[in-house]
Amino acid sequence: MKVNGKIISLEKPVSLHEFLEGLGYTVSHVAVEKNGDIIPRAQFSAVMLNDEDSLEIVCFVGGG
């Protein structure tokens, strides 16, 4: 699977929510595009990932 341009191997299919938490992301502070489609946060638990997928993950950062 490609994540932000880097190749990551998955041992098994996993939900997007579980994958993000496993990488240490705060799920409420990210936006995710999977295979060119933006995934609504409410669907993170239902969307399953596999090795053929491509993700772009963007973190929201506060500041000014």
N, C-alpha and C. Protein backbone atom coordinates (compact mmCIF):
# COMPACT_ATOMS: atom_id res chain seq x y z
N MET A 1 0.85 -1.16 0.00
CA MET A 1 0.00 0.00 0.00
C MET A 1 0.90 1.22 0.00
N LYS A 2 0.46 2.27 -0.68
CA LYS A 2 1.21 3.51 -0.71
C LYS A 2 0.54 4.51 0.22
N VAL A 3 1.31 5.08 1.16
CA VAL A 3 0.79 6.05 2.12
C VAL A 3 1.66 7.30 2.04
N ASN A 4 1.07 8.40 1.58
CA ASN A 4 1.81 9.66 1.42
C ASN A 4 3.12 9.44 0.66
N GLY A 5 3.04 8.61 -0.37
CA GLY A 5 4.19 8.37 -1.24
C GLY A 5 5.14 7.27 -0.78
N LYS A 6 4.94 6.71 0.40
CA LYS A 6 5.81 5.64 0.91
C LYS A 6 5.07 4.30 0.85
N ILE A 7 5.81 3.25 0.55
CA ILE A 7 5.23 1.91 0.48
C ILE A 7 5.20 1.30 1.89
N ILE A 8 4.02 0.82 2.28
CA ILE A 8 3.82 0.13 3.55
C ILE A 8 3.12 -1.18 3.25
N SER A 9 3.61 -2.27 3.82
CA SER A 9 2.97 -3.57 3.63
C SER A 9 1.99 -3.84 4.76
N LEU A 10 0.82 -4.32 4.39
CA LEU A 10 -0.18 -4.73 5.38
C LEU A 10 -0.12 -6.24 5.54
N GLU A 11 -0.17 -6.70 6.77
CA GLU A 11 -0.19 -8.14 7.03
C GLU A 11 -1.56 -8.73 6.73
N LYS A 12 -2.60 -7.92 6.90
CA LYS A 12 -3.98 -8.36 6.65
C LYS A 12 -4.83 -7.11 6.39
N PRO A 13 -6.00 -7.27 5.80
CA PRO A 13 -6.89 -6.12 5.63
C PRO A 13 -7.22 -5.51 6.99
N VAL A 14 -7.30 -4.20 7.04
CA VAL A 14 -7.54 -3.48 8.29
C VAL A 14 -8.43 -2.27 7.99
N SER A 15 -9.21 -1.86 9.00
CA SER A 15 -10.06 -0.68 8.80
C SER A 15 -9.19 0.57 8.77
N LEU A 16 -9.64 1.58 8.08
CA LEU A 16 -8.92 2.85 8.02
C LEU A 16 -8.73 3.42 9.42
N HIS A 17 -9.76 3.35 10.25
CA HIS A 17 -9.68 3.87 11.62
C HIS A 17 -8.57 3.16 12.41
N GLU A 18 -8.55 1.85 12.35
CA GLU A 18 -7.54 1.06 13.06
C GLU A 18 -6.14 1.36 12.53
N PHE A 19 -6.01 1.49 11.22
CA PHE A 19 -4.73 1.79 10.60
C PHE A 19 -4.19 3.14 11.07
N LEU A 20 -5.05 4.16 11.07
CA LEU A 20 -4.63 5.49 11.50
C LEU A 20 -4.19 5.49 12.96
N GLU A 21 -4.98 4.85 13.82
CA GLU A 21 -4.61 4.77 15.23
C GLU A 21 -3.28 4.02 15.42
N GLY A 22 -3.09 2.98 14.63
CA GLY A 22 -1.85 2.21 14.72
C GLY A 22 -0.62 3.02 14.35
N LEU A 23 -0.80 4.01 13.49
CA LEU A 23 0.30 4.89 13.11
C LEU A 23 0.45 6.08 14.05
N GLY A 24 -0.46 6.18 15.03
CA GLY A 24 -0.36 7.25 16.01
C GLY A 24 -1.09 8.53 15.67
N TYR A 25 -1.93 8.49 14.64
CA TYR A 25 -2.72 9.67 14.27
C TYR A 25 -3.89 9.86 15.22
N THR A 26 -4.24 11.10 15.49
CA THR A 26 -5.48 11.42 16.17
C THR A 26 -6.55 11.48 15.08
N VAL A 27 -7.43 10.51 15.08
CA VAL A 27 -8.38 10.32 13.98
C VAL A 27 -9.23 11.57 13.73
N SER A 28 -9.55 12.30 14.78
CA SER A 28 -10.39 13.49 14.61
C SER A 28 -9.63 14.67 13.98
N HIS A 29 -8.31 14.53 13.81
CA HIS A 29 -7.49 15.63 13.28
C HIS A 29 -6.88 15.33 11.92
N VAL A 30 -7.45 14.38 11.18
CA VAL A 30 -6.91 14.06 9.87
C VAL A 30 -8.00 14.04 8.80
N ALA A 31 -7.56 14.26 7.57
CA ALA A 31 -8.40 14.05 6.40
C ALA A 31 -7.69 12.99 5.57
N VAL A 32 -8.46 12.09 4.95
CA VAL A 32 -7.87 10.98 4.22
C VAL A 32 -8.49 10.86 2.83
N GLU A 33 -7.60 10.67 1.86
CA GLU A 33 -8.01 10.37 0.49
C GLU A 33 -7.54 8.96 0.20
N LYS A 34 -8.47 8.10 -0.22
CA LYS A 34 -8.15 6.70 -0.56
C LYS A 34 -8.43 6.50 -2.04
N ASN A 35 -7.40 6.14 -2.77
CA ASN A 35 -7.54 5.88 -4.22
C ASN A 35 -8.23 7.04 -4.94
N GLY A 36 -7.91 8.27 -4.53
CA GLY A 36 -8.44 9.46 -5.19
C GLY A 36 -9.76 9.97 -4.66
N ASP A 37 -10.36 9.27 -3.70
CA ASP A 37 -11.65 9.68 -3.13
C ASP A 37 -11.48 10.10 -1.67
N ILE A 38 -12.04 11.25 -1.29
CA ILE A 38 -11.99 11.69 0.09
C ILE A 38 -12.95 10.83 0.90
N ILE A 39 -12.48 10.31 2.03
CA ILE A 39 -13.28 9.44 2.89
C ILE A 39 -13.84 10.26 4.05
N PRO A 40 -15.16 10.33 4.19
CA PRO A 40 -15.74 11.02 5.34
C PRO A 40 -15.32 10.35 6.65
N ARG A 41 -15.00 11.14 7.64
CA ARG A 41 -14.53 10.62 8.93
C ARG A 41 -15.51 9.61 9.52
N ALA A 42 -16.80 9.81 9.32
CA ALA A 42 -17.81 8.89 9.85
C ALA A 42 -17.69 7.49 9.25
N GLN A 43 -16.98 7.35 8.13
CA GLN A 43 -16.83 6.05 7.47
C GLN A 43 -15.48 5.39 7.74
N PHE A 44 -14.61 6.02 8.54
CA PHE A 44 -13.27 5.47 8.78
C PHE A 44 -13.31 4.04 9.31
N SER A 45 -14.26 3.71 10.17
CA SER A 45 -14.33 2.36 10.73
C SER A 45 -14.83 1.34 9.73
N ALA A 46 -15.62 1.78 8.76
CA ALA A 46 -16.21 0.86 7.78
C ALA A 46 -15.33 0.63 6.56
N VAL A 47 -14.42 1.55 6.27
CA VAL A 47 -13.57 1.44 5.09
C VAL A 47 -12.39 0.51 5.39
N MET A 48 -12.28 -0.55 4.58
CA MET A 48 -11.21 -1.51 4.75
C MET A 48 -10.07 -1.22 3.77
N LEU A 49 -8.85 -1.41 4.25
CA LEU A 49 -7.66 -1.17 3.43
C LEU A 49 -7.00 -2.48 3.07
N ASN A 50 -6.34 -2.49 1.90
CA ASN A 50 -5.53 -3.64 1.51
C ASN A 50 -4.29 -3.14 0.78
N ASP A 51 -3.41 -4.04 0.41
CA ASP A 51 -2.11 -3.66 -0.17
C ASP A 51 -2.20 -2.92 -1.50
N GLU A 52 -3.31 -2.99 -2.20
CA GLU A 52 -3.43 -2.33 -3.48
C GLU A 52 -3.85 -0.86 -3.36
N ASP A 53 -4.19 -0.40 -2.15
CA ASP A 53 -4.70 0.95 -1.95
C ASP A 53 -3.60 1.99 -1.92
N SER A 54 -4.01 3.23 -2.19
CA SER A 54 -3.14 4.39 -2.09
C SER A 54 -3.83 5.42 -1.20
N LEU A 55 -3.13 5.87 -0.15
CA LEU A 55 -3.70 6.83 0.79
C LEU A 55 -2.89 8.12 0.81
N GLU A 56 -3.59 9.22 0.98
CA GLU A 56 -2.97 10.49 1.30
C GLU A 56 -3.60 10.93 2.61
N ILE A 57 -2.79 11.17 3.63
CA ILE A 57 -3.26 11.55 4.94
C ILE A 57 -2.76 12.95 5.25
N VAL A 58 -3.69 13.84 5.60
CA VAL A 58 -3.34 15.22 5.91
C VAL A 58 -3.76 15.49 7.35
N CYS A 59 -2.83 16.01 8.15
CA CYS A 59 -3.11 16.34 9.55
C CYS A 59 -3.46 17.82 9.68
N PHE A 60 -4.46 18.11 10.52
CA PHE A 60 -4.80 19.49 10.83
C PHE A 60 -3.92 19.95 11.97
N VAL A 61 -3.31 21.13 11.79
CA VAL A 61 -2.43 21.67 12.81
C VAL A 61 -2.91 23.06 13.19
N GLY A 62 -3.03 23.32 14.49
CA GLY A 62 -3.43 24.63 14.95
C GLY A 62 -2.26 25.59 14.94
N GLY A 63 -2.58 26.84 15.01
CA GLY A 63 -1.53 27.85 15.04
C GLY A 63 -1.94 29.07 14.26
N GLY A 64 -1.02 29.97 14.12
CA GLY A 64 -1.39 31.18 13.41
C GLY A 64 -0.24 31.87 12.79
